[in-house]
Amino acid sequence: MVIKILFIVLFLVMTIGVGVYCRKKATDVNGFVLGGRAVGPWLTAFSFGTSYFSAVIFVGYAGQFGWNFGLASTWIGLGNALIGSFLAWVVLGRRTRVMTQHLSSATMPDFFEKRYDSKALKIAAAAITFVFMIPYTASLYNGLSRLFSMAFPIDYWVCVVVMAVVTALYVVLSGYVGTALNSFIQGVIMLVGIVVVVFAVLNAHGGFTESVELLSQVEPVGDYTSIFGPDPIALLGVVLLTSLGTWGLPQMIGKFYAIKDEKSIKTGTIVSTVFAVIVAGGCYFLGGFGRIFMTGEQVSKMGFDSIIPSMLESINSDVVIALVIMLVLAASMSTLSSLVLTSSATLVLDFAAPMKKTPMKEKTKMLWMRVFLVFFIVVSAGIAILQANTKVAFITDLMGISWGTMSGAFLGPFMLGLYWKRATKPAVWASFIFSVAANVTFMVFKLTGNVEMLPKLLQASSNVGVIAMLSGIVLVILISLLTKKPEDKVINEKFSCYEKQVTVKAKNSLSE
């Protein structure tokens, strides 16, 4: 117990210390929200990775999908690395940085206003972001409940309050720069932690070979050690939701806004991809062995969220358990800080400020962002404690609904808005409306216990989210072609940023 407490106290003190150290970087809106668009490659890459993977992945997704697909669930982690990290940086990184700076855009809703000339779109996007960030944020806290109850004789609500207070302190003090630096430290902990945990857990059954042999005997024999698992179609749906979904999440895209230079893009692409392979690949690989640690009856009684904690109970080392707790804390706090910073900035800059008849002063914006940041943390923590007591939904459902709604609404309009001059305002509205309607309908059926009334394909939040994302892209293309195209002069000016001539050193580009 002394070792566990010592590890956690050191981690929390270091986290707050970083916030105090970086507080001078958050003196204006640009510094607080974007780090002055001067954040280096390693901090940007780790900030992207740690915002991507949280306790939801480690406890919720890894447990449930590892149980459903066996070792084939590792494909989810690899998909996250290839599609969610590598391709996201390649397709969106540079263009996002160039156009958002050209349009003087600090948030995704702000981008929608300036790219599509619609203040109403900005307000709608801000509302969607704020509302659907709440269940996502609440799910982060829930990932800690069973792990902390396993390691400490304290109530779950105490863990939630401590995590909320510490996160609020360093984000309020230092904004994006402090969040990015803490994300780097937390990312290192996650990398070391997941490698150690995988080896420690597998050793409980004699190592990798013996564990695979035991898993291969689980009924249906061989299904959970096969290359694509017992349900390849469902597996593909999860891969797409958790990978392609990052392309439309405001807190993920926001990392590209703050990129410093070309080198940061190249380095960030590689580092974030490797990070995802190790962390996400390791989490889902570990979850794939869940069936040799629990029976179907136990999972039915205790829930999917109990699988990973039950696996960790096989570890006899206090040091490893302490590292696991730090791993989950680091994963949760890094994602939480990114979410609340994005939400507070969106609420103030894109919702509250436009409502005022007179321009809001810089100091006033900073004050209200900090106020709403604390408000958002308090609300999400309260929901997490309430949900833990009522057991309304699993972690995966909370996160899946949030991811599906925001990515479904934003992915098509944002990506096509960067590449395609023909994309129009009505098409963006169609994407927003369809995604919200589809995911809210699913949520109502889920919360009322009537989800089985839906077609089988629509009974999983992951499938609904994927359908919303793909439909959003199709809707933007079709409706844009059917509606009046933007004026050439206006749209050409917005895309002129890509035609700007720049001079680079010969070591970076060969001359003709």
Protein backbone atom coordinates (compact mmCIF):
# COMPACT_ATOMS: atom_id res chain seq x y z
CA MET A 1 0.00 0.00 0.00
CA VAL A 2 2.87 2.38 0.80
CA ILE A 3 4.39 1.78 -2.65
CA LYS A 4 1.07 2.41 -4.40
CA ILE A 5 0.40 5.61 -2.49
CA LEU A 6 3.96 6.87 -3.01
CA PHE A 7 3.78 6.33 -6.78
CA ILE A 8 0.47 8.12 -7.08
CA VAL A 9 1.45 11.07 -4.85
CA LEU A 10 4.64 11.60 -6.87
CA PHE A 11 2.64 11.46 -10.09
CA LEU A 12 0.05 13.97 -8.89
CA VAL A 13 2.67 16.37 -7.49
CA MET A 14 4.63 16.23 -10.75
CA THR A 15 1.45 16.89 -12.75
CA ILE A 16 0.54 19.98 -10.73
CA GLY A 17 4.17 21.13 -10.84
CA VAL A 18 4.09 21.14 -14.64
CA GLY A 19 0.96 23.29 -14.55
CA VAL A 20 2.67 25.82 -12.27
CA TYR A 21 5.81 25.81 -14.45
CA CYS A 22 3.87 26.46 -17.69
CA ARG A 23 1.43 29.04 -16.33
CA LYS A 24 3.27 31.95 -18.02
CA LYS A 25 2.52 30.40 -21.43
CA ALA A 26 -1.23 30.89 -20.92
CA THR A 27 -1.55 34.66 -20.75
CA ASP A 28 -3.80 35.11 -23.79
CA VAL A 29 -6.39 33.13 -25.75
CA ASN A 30 -3.94 31.99 -28.43
CA GLY A 31 -1.49 30.73 -25.81
CA PHE A 32 -4.16 29.14 -23.61
CA VAL A 33 -5.99 27.31 -26.41
CA LEU A 34 -3.27 26.64 -29.03
CA GLY A 35 0.04 27.15 -27.24
CA GLY A 36 0.78 30.02 -29.61
CA ARG A 37 0.81 27.54 -32.53
CA ALA A 38 4.41 26.80 -31.56
CA VAL A 39 4.24 23.36 -29.92
CA GLY A 40 7.08 21.04 -30.98
CA PRO A 41 6.76 17.64 -32.69
CA TRP A 42 7.20 15.34 -29.69
CA LEU A 43 4.78 17.22 -27.46
CA THR A 44 2.23 17.42 -30.28
CA ALA A 45 2.57 13.71 -31.10
CA PHE A 46 2.29 12.57 -27.49
CA SER A 47 -0.58 14.99 -26.88
CA PHE A 48 -2.38 13.46 -29.87
CA GLY A 49 -1.74 9.90 -28.66
CA THR A 50 -2.65 10.43 -25.02
CA SER A 51 -5.83 12.29 -25.98
CA TYR A 52 -6.71 9.33 -28.21
CA PHE A 53 -6.23 6.54 -25.66
CA SER A 54 -7.71 6.73 -22.19
CA ALA A 55 -9.00 4.47 -19.43
CA VAL A 56 -12.00 3.89 -21.67
CA ILE A 57 -9.75 2.03 -24.09
CA PHE A 58 -7.79 0.17 -21.42
CA VAL A 59 -10.70 -0.88 -19.21
CA GLY A 60 -13.83 -0.68 -21.36
CA TYR A 61 -12.99 -1.30 -25.01
CA ALA A 62 -10.08 -3.69 -24.46
CA GLY A 63 -12.17 -5.78 -22.06
CA GLN A 64 -15.38 -5.95 -24.08
CA PHE A 65 -13.91 -6.28 -27.57
CA GLY A 66 -11.16 -8.60 -26.38
CA TRP A 67 -13.91 -10.82 -25.00
CA ASN A 68 -15.92 -10.62 -28.23
CA PHE A 69 -13.11 -11.12 -30.74
CA GLY A 70 -10.24 -12.79 -28.87
CA LEU A 71 -6.74 -12.11 -30.19
CA ALA A 72 -8.28 -10.64 -33.37
CA SER A 73 -9.11 -7.56 -31.27
CA THR A 74 -5.45 -6.61 -31.78
CA TRP A 75 -6.56 -5.45 -35.25
CA ILE A 76 -8.43 -2.62 -33.52
CA GLY A 77 -5.19 -1.28 -32.06
CA LEU A 78 -3.38 -1.64 -35.37
CA GLY A 79 -6.27 0.11 -37.14
CA ASN A 80 -6.02 2.92 -34.60
CA ALA A 81 -2.33 3.27 -35.46
CA LEU A 82 -2.70 3.14 -39.26
CA ILE A 83 -6.01 4.96 -39.81
CA GLY A 84 -6.53 6.91 -36.61
CA SER A 85 -2.95 8.15 -36.29
CA PHE A 86 -0.81 7.78 -39.43
CA LEU A 87 -3.45 8.57 -42.08
CA ALA A 88 -5.03 11.26 -39.89
CA TRP A 89 -1.71 13.11 -39.79
CA VAL A 90 -1.03 12.57 -43.50
CA VAL A 91 -4.50 13.55 -44.74
CA LEU A 92 -5.46 16.26 -42.24
CA GLY A 93 -2.33 17.49 -40.46
CA ARG A 94 -0.76 19.95 -42.89
CA ARG A 95 -3.98 21.17 -44.50
CA THR A 96 -5.61 21.77 -41.12
CA ARG A 97 -2.65 23.79 -39.87
CA VAL A 98 -2.43 25.91 -43.04
CA MET A 99 -6.13 26.72 -43.52
CA THR A 100 -6.99 27.28 -39.84
CA GLN A 101 -4.15 29.77 -39.53
CA HIS A 102 -5.23 31.47 -42.77
CA LEU A 103 -8.81 31.75 -41.49
CA SER A 104 -7.64 32.72 -37.96
CA SER A 105 -9.61 29.78 -36.60
CA ALA A 106 -8.94 28.51 -33.06
CA THR A 107 -11.59 25.76 -32.78
CA MET A 108 -13.49 23.38 -35.04
CA PRO A 109 -16.82 25.25 -34.72
CA ASP A 110 -14.96 28.45 -35.60
CA PHE A 111 -13.63 26.70 -38.71
CA PHE A 112 -17.16 25.82 -39.80
CA GLU A 113 -18.25 29.46 -39.50
CA LYS A 114 -15.32 30.85 -41.48
CA ARG A 115 -15.10 28.09 -44.07
CA TYR A 116 -18.86 27.99 -44.80
CA ASP A 117 -19.74 31.61 -43.92
CA SER A 118 -22.32 30.71 -41.29
CA LYS A 119 -22.40 31.82 -37.67
CA ALA A 120 -25.35 29.45 -37.11
CA LEU A 121 -23.14 26.50 -38.07
CA LYS A 122 -20.59 27.57 -35.47
CA ILE A 123 -23.20 27.75 -32.73
CA ALA A 124 -24.68 24.36 -33.72
CA ALA A 125 -21.24 22.74 -33.80
CA ALA A 126 -20.39 24.26 -30.41
CA ALA A 127 -23.63 22.89 -28.93
CA ILE A 128 -22.98 19.39 -30.32
CA THR A 129 -19.43 19.47 -28.98
CA PHE A 130 -20.41 20.60 -25.51
CA VAL A 131 -23.38 18.25 -25.08
CA PHE A 132 -21.70 15.09 -26.39
CA MET A 133 -18.37 15.73 -24.69
CA ILE A 134 -20.10 15.22 -21.34
CA PRO A 135 -20.84 11.46 -21.62
CA TYR A 136 -17.39 10.95 -23.15
CA THR A 137 -15.74 12.73 -20.23
CA ALA A 138 -17.88 10.88 -17.70
CA SER A 139 -16.74 7.57 -19.21
CA LEU A 140 -13.12 8.47 -18.40
CA TYR A 141 -13.82 8.50 -14.69
CA ASN A 142 -15.70 5.21 -14.87
CA GLY A 143 -12.60 3.50 -16.20
CA LEU A 144 -10.97 4.05 -12.80
CA SER A 145 -13.68 2.61 -10.56
CA ARG A 146 -12.85 -1.11 -10.49
CA LEU A 147 -9.08 -0.58 -10.67
CA PHE A 148 -9.04 1.70 -7.66
CA SER A 149 -11.40 -0.52 -5.68
CA MET A 150 -9.01 -3.39 -6.43
CA ALA A 151 -5.95 -1.47 -5.26
CA PHE A 152 -7.27 0.80 -2.49
CA PRO A 153 -9.89 0.50 0.26
CA ILE A 154 -11.49 3.84 -0.66
CA ASP A 155 -14.76 4.84 -2.28
CA TYR A 156 -14.96 5.42 -6.02
CA TRP A 157 -16.21 8.99 -5.61
CA VAL A 158 -12.97 9.92 -3.81
CA CYS A 159 -10.95 8.80 -6.86
CA VAL A 160 -13.18 10.83 -9.16
CA VAL A 161 -12.90 13.98 -7.04
CA VAL A 162 -9.09 13.75 -6.72
CA MET A 163 -8.65 13.21 -10.45
CA ALA A 164 -11.03 16.08 -11.25
CA VAL A 165 -9.35 18.53 -8.87
CA VAL A 166 -5.80 17.79 -10.06
CA THR A 167 -6.78 18.00 -13.73
CA ALA A 168 -8.64 21.27 -13.16
CA LEU A 169 -5.64 22.75 -11.37
CA TYR A 170 -3.05 22.19 -14.07
CA VAL A 171 -5.32 22.95 -17.03
CA VAL A 172 -6.65 26.17 -15.46
CA LEU A 173 -3.09 27.27 -14.68
CA SER A 174 -1.32 26.41 -17.92
CA GLY A 175 -3.79 25.73 -20.74
CA TYR A 176 -2.58 23.89 -23.85
CA VAL A 177 1.18 24.05 -23.20
CA GLY A 178 0.90 22.56 -19.71
CA THR A 179 -1.53 19.95 -21.03
CA ALA A 180 0.89 19.04 -23.84
CA LEU A 181 3.90 18.75 -21.51
CA ASN A 182 1.94 16.68 -19.02
CA SER A 183 0.70 14.53 -21.91
CA PHE A 184 4.31 13.80 -22.85
CA ILE A 185 5.11 12.65 -19.31
CA GLN A 186 1.86 10.72 -19.08
CA GLY A 187 2.54 9.15 -22.49
CA VAL A 188 5.90 7.81 -21.34
CA ILE A 189 4.19 6.25 -18.32
CA MET A 190 1.59 4.68 -20.62
CA LEU A 191 4.25 3.22 -22.93
CA VAL A 192 6.22 1.65 -20.10
CA GLY A 193 3.10 0.60 -18.23
CA ILE A 194 1.38 -1.29 -21.04
CA VAL A 195 4.51 -3.29 -21.93
CA VAL A 196 5.07 -4.29 -18.29
CA VAL A 197 1.40 -5.15 -17.73
CA VAL A 198 1.12 -7.38 -20.82
CA PHE A 199 4.13 -9.45 -19.76
CA ALA A 200 3.02 -9.60 -16.11
CA VAL A 201 -0.54 -10.73 -16.93
CA LEU A 202 0.49 -13.39 -19.46
CA ASN A 203 3.00 -14.81 -16.99
CA ALA A 204 0.06 -15.70 -14.75
CA HIS A 205 -0.62 -18.60 -17.15
CA GLY A 206 2.98 -19.48 -17.92
CA GLY A 207 3.69 -16.95 -20.69
CA PHE A 208 2.51 -16.15 -24.21
CA THR A 209 2.55 -19.65 -25.72
CA GLU A 210 0.72 -21.26 -22.83
CA SER A 211 -1.86 -18.45 -22.73
CA VAL A 212 -2.58 -18.81 -26.46
CA GLU A 213 -2.94 -22.58 -26.03
CA LEU A 214 -5.50 -22.10 -23.25
CA LEU A 215 -7.41 -19.53 -25.31
CA SER A 216 -7.51 -21.85 -28.32
CA GLN A 217 -9.47 -24.39 -26.25
CA VAL A 218 -12.27 -21.96 -25.39
CA GLU A 219 -15.58 -22.80 -27.09
CA PRO A 220 -16.03 -22.45 -30.02
CA VAL A 221 -12.58 -24.05 -30.23
CA GLY A 222 -10.12 -21.94 -32.21
CA ASP A 223 -12.43 -18.98 -32.85
CA TYR A 224 -10.71 -16.69 -30.35
CA THR A 225 -7.23 -17.35 -31.68
CA SER A 226 -8.15 -17.07 -35.36
CA ILE A 227 -6.85 -14.15 -37.43
CA PHE A 228 -10.19 -12.31 -37.77
CA GLY A 229 -12.05 -13.75 -34.78
CA PRO A 230 -15.61 -15.11 -34.61
CA ASP A 231 -17.31 -12.01 -36.12
CA PRO A 232 -15.15 -10.20 -38.74
CA ILE A 233 -17.93 -7.77 -39.78
CA ALA A 234 -18.48 -6.54 -36.24
CA LEU A 235 -14.72 -6.30 -35.80
CA LEU A 236 -14.46 -4.09 -38.87
CA GLY A 237 -17.15 -1.80 -37.47
CA VAL A 238 -15.20 -1.29 -34.24
CA VAL A 239 -11.96 -0.68 -36.16
CA LEU A 240 -13.63 2.02 -38.26
CA LEU A 241 -15.37 3.71 -35.32
CA THR A 242 -12.28 3.90 -33.12
CA SER A 243 -9.92 4.76 -36.00
CA LEU A 244 -11.77 6.92 -38.52
CA GLY A 245 -13.62 8.56 -35.65
CA THR A 246 -10.57 10.60 -34.64
CA TRP A 247 -10.82 12.49 -37.94
CA GLY A 248 -13.93 14.28 -36.70
CA LEU A 249 -13.27 14.73 -32.98
CA PRO A 250 -12.61 18.39 -32.01
CA GLN A 251 -10.09 17.54 -29.28
CA MET A 252 -8.03 15.46 -31.74
CA ILE A 253 -8.18 17.84 -34.71
CA GLY A 254 -7.24 20.68 -32.37
CA LYS A 255 -3.76 19.19 -32.07
CA PHE A 256 -3.15 19.96 -35.75
CA TYR A 257 -4.08 23.61 -35.18
CA ALA A 258 -1.10 23.99 -32.84
CA ILE A 259 1.60 22.37 -35.02
CA LYS A 260 4.77 24.46 -35.08
CA ASP A 261 6.35 23.68 -38.46
CA GLU A 262 6.88 21.12 -41.24
CA LYS A 263 9.33 19.09 -39.16
CA SER A 264 6.71 18.76 -36.46
CA ILE A 265 4.31 17.17 -38.96
CA LYS A 266 6.85 14.59 -40.13
CA THR A 267 8.07 13.71 -36.65
CA GLY A 268 4.57 13.81 -35.19
CA THR A 269 3.27 11.38 -37.82
CA ILE A 270 5.91 8.78 -36.96
CA VAL A 271 5.88 9.22 -33.18
CA SER A 272 2.08 9.18 -32.82
CA THR A 273 1.84 6.06 -35.02
CA VAL A 274 4.46 4.15 -33.02
CA PHE A 275 2.77 5.30 -29.81
CA ALA A 276 -0.56 3.95 -31.04
CA VAL A 277 0.92 0.59 -32.08
CA ILE A 278 2.37 0.04 -28.61
CA VAL A 279 -0.42 1.47 -26.44
CA ALA A 280 -3.55 0.57 -28.42
CA GLY A 281 -2.08 -2.63 -29.84
CA GLY A 282 -0.96 -3.67 -26.36
CA CYS A 283 -4.33 -2.88 -24.74
CA TYR A 284 -6.42 -4.85 -27.23
CA PHE A 285 -3.90 -7.69 -27.38
CA LEU A 286 -4.12 -7.98 -23.59
CA GLY A 287 -7.93 -7.86 -23.68
CA GLY A 288 -7.95 -10.74 -26.16
CA PHE A 289 -6.95 -13.13 -23.35
CA GLY A 290 -9.94 -12.19 -21.14
CA ARG A 291 -11.67 -15.55 -21.60
CA ILE A 292 -8.90 -17.44 -19.81
CA PHE A 293 -9.32 -15.23 -16.74
CA MET A 294 -13.13 -15.10 -16.44
CA THR A 295 -16.10 -17.28 -17.30
CA GLY A 296 -19.14 -16.20 -19.28
CA GLU A 297 -21.25 -16.44 -16.12
CA GLN A 298 -18.91 -14.08 -14.26
CA VAL A 299 -18.96 -11.54 -17.09
CA SER A 300 -22.77 -11.70 -17.25
CA LYS A 301 -22.93 -10.94 -13.56
CA MET A 302 -20.12 -8.37 -13.24
CA GLY A 303 -20.09 -6.77 -16.71
CA PHE A 304 -17.47 -6.32 -19.40
CA ASP A 305 -15.81 -3.53 -17.42
CA SER A 306 -14.66 -6.10 -14.85
CA ILE A 307 -12.56 -8.15 -17.31
CA ILE A 308 -9.33 -6.13 -17.33
CA PRO A 309 -9.39 -5.53 -13.53
CA SER A 310 -9.87 -9.28 -13.02
CA MET A 311 -6.86 -9.96 -15.23
CA LEU A 312 -4.79 -7.49 -13.22
CA GLU A 313 -5.68 -9.24 -9.97
CA SER A 314 -3.44 -12.08 -11.12
CA ILE A 315 -0.41 -9.81 -10.75
CA ASN A 316 1.35 -10.30 -7.41
CA SER A 317 3.81 -7.40 -7.67
CA ASP A 318 2.89 -4.21 -5.77
CA VAL A 319 5.21 -2.20 -8.02
CA VAL A 320 3.46 -3.44 -11.17
CA ILE A 321 0.02 -2.74 -9.68
CA ALA A 322 1.18 0.77 -8.77
CA LEU A 323 2.40 1.21 -12.35
CA VAL A 324 -0.99 0.05 -13.64
CA ILE A 325 -2.77 2.64 -11.49
CA MET A 326 -0.41 5.33 -12.79
CA LEU A 327 -1.00 4.08 -16.34
CA VAL A 328 -4.76 4.45 -16.03
CA LEU A 329 -4.50 7.77 -14.21
CA ALA A 330 -2.15 9.11 -16.89
CA ALA A 331 -4.39 7.88 -19.70
CA SER A 332 -7.52 9.32 -18.11
CA MET A 333 -6.10 12.69 -17.04
CA SER A 334 -4.41 13.36 -20.40
CA THR A 335 -7.65 12.72 -22.29
CA LEU A 336 -9.74 14.55 -19.71
CA SER A 337 -7.55 17.66 -19.89
CA SER A 338 -7.80 17.70 -23.68
CA LEU A 339 -11.59 17.29 -23.59
CA VAL A 340 -12.28 19.99 -21.02
CA LEU A 341 -9.91 22.47 -22.68
CA THR A 342 -11.62 21.90 -26.02
CA SER A 343 -15.08 22.16 -24.49
CA SER A 344 -14.45 25.34 -22.50
CA ALA A 345 -12.78 27.05 -25.47
CA THR A 346 -15.66 26.06 -27.73
CA LEU A 347 -18.31 27.23 -25.29
CA VAL A 348 -16.71 30.65 -24.75
CA LEU A 349 -15.24 31.43 -28.18
CA ASP A 350 -17.92 29.85 -30.34
CA PHE A 351 -21.08 30.09 -28.26
CA ALA A 352 -20.93 32.78 -25.57
CA ALA A 353 -18.78 35.40 -27.35
CA PRO A 354 -20.93 35.53 -30.54
CA MET A 355 -24.02 36.11 -28.40
CA LYS A 356 -22.64 39.39 -27.03
CA LYS A 357 -23.41 42.58 -28.91
CA THR A 358 -19.98 44.04 -28.12
CA PRO A 359 -16.66 42.16 -28.62
CA MET A 360 -15.52 40.22 -25.57
CA LYS A 361 -12.18 41.37 -24.13
CA GLU A 362 -9.20 39.02 -24.04
CA LYS A 363 -9.09 38.88 -20.23
CA THR A 364 -12.82 38.21 -20.09
CA LYS A 365 -12.48 35.31 -22.53
CA MET A 366 -9.66 33.83 -20.44
CA LEU A 367 -11.69 34.17 -17.24
CA TRP A 368 -14.79 32.53 -18.70
CA MET A 369 -12.81 29.71 -20.30
CA ARG A 370 -11.36 28.86 -16.91
CA VAL A 371 -14.79 29.09 -15.26
CA PHE A 372 -16.42 26.82 -17.83
CA LEU A 373 -13.46 24.45 -17.68
CA VAL A 374 -14.11 23.90 -13.97
CA PHE A 375 -17.86 23.71 -14.59
CA PHE A 376 -17.39 21.04 -17.24
CA ILE A 377 -15.18 18.93 -14.97
CA VAL A 378 -17.67 19.19 -12.09
CA VAL A 379 -20.65 18.21 -14.25
CA SER A 380 -18.89 15.25 -15.86
CA ALA A 381 -17.59 14.04 -12.48
CA GLY A 382 -21.09 14.24 -11.05
CA ILE A 383 -22.50 12.23 -13.95
CA ALA A 384 -19.73 9.65 -13.54
CA ILE A 385 -20.53 9.16 -9.85
CA LEU A 386 -24.28 8.93 -10.59
CA GLN A 387 -23.72 6.48 -13.44
CA ALA A 388 -21.45 4.29 -11.29
CA ASN A 389 -24.22 3.98 -8.71
CA THR A 390 -27.03 3.29 -11.18
CA LYS A 391 -25.08 1.27 -13.81
CA VAL A 392 -27.14 2.76 -16.61
CA ALA A 393 -24.62 2.02 -19.36
CA PHE A 394 -21.28 0.40 -19.99
CA ILE A 395 -18.18 2.50 -20.67
CA THR A 396 -18.19 1.47 -24.30
CA ASP A 397 -21.75 2.73 -24.81
CA LEU A 398 -20.99 6.13 -23.29
CA MET A 399 -17.91 6.59 -25.41
CA GLY A 400 -19.39 5.06 -28.55
CA ILE A 401 -22.39 7.43 -28.54
CA SER A 402 -20.14 10.48 -28.04
CA TRP A 403 -17.60 9.44 -30.67
CA GLY A 404 -20.30 8.45 -33.13
CA THR A 405 -22.27 11.67 -32.81
CA MET A 406 -19.38 14.13 -33.01
CA SER A 407 -17.43 12.26 -35.68
CA GLY A 408 -20.55 11.59 -37.71
CA ALA A 409 -21.48 15.26 -37.62
CA PHE A 410 -18.04 16.78 -38.19
CA LEU A 411 -15.86 14.35 -40.18
CA GLY A 412 -17.37 14.88 -43.64
CA PRO A 413 -17.81 18.66 -43.42
CA PHE A 414 -14.34 19.19 -41.95
CA MET A 415 -12.30 16.87 -44.19
CA LEU A 416 -14.09 17.85 -47.40
CA GLY A 417 -13.99 21.48 -46.32
CA LEU A 418 -10.18 21.30 -46.40
CA TYR A 419 -9.98 19.67 -49.83
CA TRP A 420 -13.11 20.45 -51.83
CA LYS A 421 -14.16 23.96 -52.85
CA ARG A 422 -17.62 22.71 -53.86
CA ALA A 423 -18.70 21.74 -50.30
CA THR A 424 -21.69 23.86 -49.25
CA LYS A 425 -23.42 25.07 -46.09
CA PRO A 426 -26.68 23.05 -46.56
CA ALA A 427 -24.59 19.88 -46.88
CA VAL A 428 -22.95 20.59 -43.53
CA TRP A 429 -26.36 21.04 -41.90
CA ALA A 430 -27.46 17.69 -43.32
CA SER A 431 -24.43 15.95 -41.80
CA PHE A 432 -25.04 17.59 -38.40
CA ILE A 433 -28.75 16.72 -38.30
CA PHE A 434 -28.39 13.13 -39.51
CA SER A 435 -25.64 12.22 -37.03
CA VAL A 436 -27.38 13.72 -34.02
CA ALA A 437 -30.73 12.13 -34.95
CA ALA A 438 -29.23 8.68 -35.56
CA ASN A 439 -27.16 8.55 -32.38
CA VAL A 440 -29.77 10.11 -30.09
CA THR A 441 -32.35 7.62 -31.38
CA PHE A 442 -29.98 4.76 -30.54
CA MET A 443 -29.30 6.26 -27.10
CA VAL A 444 -33.03 6.44 -26.32
CA PHE A 445 -33.53 2.78 -27.29
CA LYS A 446 -30.44 1.82 -25.25
CA LEU A 447 -31.38 3.69 -22.08
CA THR A 448 -34.97 2.41 -22.18
CA GLY A 449 -33.83 -1.19 -22.64
CA ASN A 450 -35.48 -1.53 -26.05
CA VAL A 451 -32.36 -1.74 -28.20
CA GLU A 452 -33.34 -5.24 -29.36
CA MET A 453 -36.26 -3.68 -31.25
CA LEU A 454 -33.76 -2.17 -33.68
CA PRO A 455 -32.35 -4.13 -36.66
CA LYS A 456 -29.39 -6.27 -35.59
CA LEU A 457 -26.90 -4.04 -37.41
CA LEU A 458 -28.07 -1.04 -35.36
CA GLN A 459 -27.93 -2.69 -31.94
CA ALA A 460 -24.31 -1.64 -31.29
CA SER A 461 -23.22 1.95 -30.69
CA SER A 462 -20.08 1.30 -32.75
CA ASN A 463 -22.13 0.36 -35.84
CA VAL A 464 -24.41 3.38 -35.47
CA GLY A 465 -21.37 5.64 -35.18
CA VAL A 466 -19.72 4.20 -38.30
CA ILE A 467 -22.95 4.57 -40.29
CA ALA A 468 -23.21 8.20 -39.16
CA MET A 469 -19.61 8.93 -40.21
CA LEU A 470 -19.85 7.34 -43.64
CA SER A 471 -23.30 8.82 -44.23
CA GLY A 472 -21.97 12.25 -43.31
CA ILE A 473 -19.34 12.07 -46.05
CA VAL A 474 -21.90 10.89 -48.61
CA LEU A 475 -24.43 13.56 -47.59
CA VAL A 476 -21.89 16.37 -47.90
CA ILE A 477 -20.93 15.24 -51.40
CA LEU A 478 -24.48 14.67 -52.68
CA ILE A 479 -26.12 17.74 -51.20
CA SER A 480 -23.20 19.96 -52.19
CA LEU A 481 -23.66 18.87 -55.80
CA LEU A 482 -27.40 19.58 -55.59
CA THR A 483 -27.10 23.04 -54.01
CA LYS A 484 -25.67 26.32 -55.19
CA LYS A 485 -21.88 26.31 -55.23
CA PRO A 486 -19.96 28.98 -53.26
CA GLU A 487 -18.94 32.15 -55.07
CA ASP A 488 -15.61 31.64 -56.86
CA LYS A 489 -14.03 34.80 -55.50
CA VAL A 490 -14.89 33.97 -51.89
CA ILE A 491 -13.93 30.31 -51.94
CA ASN A 492 -10.75 30.89 -53.95
CA GLU A 493 -9.55 33.35 -51.32
CA LYS A 494 -10.03 30.73 -48.60
CA PHE A 495 -8.10 28.12 -50.56
CA SER A 496 -5.39 30.59 -51.59
CA CYS A 497 -3.41 29.60 -48.49
CA TYR A 498 -2.47 26.32 -50.18
CA GLU A 499 -1.00 28.14 -53.19
CA LYS A 500 1.28 30.41 -51.18
CA GLN A 501 4.93 30.08 -52.22
CA VAL A 502 7.40 29.14 -49.47
CA THR A 503 11.18 28.80 -49.48
CA VAL A 504 12.83 25.81 -47.83
CA LYS A 505 16.41 24.65 -47.32
CA ALA A 506 17.98 22.31 -49.87
CA LYS A 507 18.26 19.54 -47.26
CA ASN A 508 14.48 19.51 -47.04
CA SER A 509 13.63 19.78 -50.73
CA LEU A 510 15.62 19.18 -53.93
CA SER A 511 15.78 22.15 -56.30
CA GLU A 512 14.96 21.68 -59.98
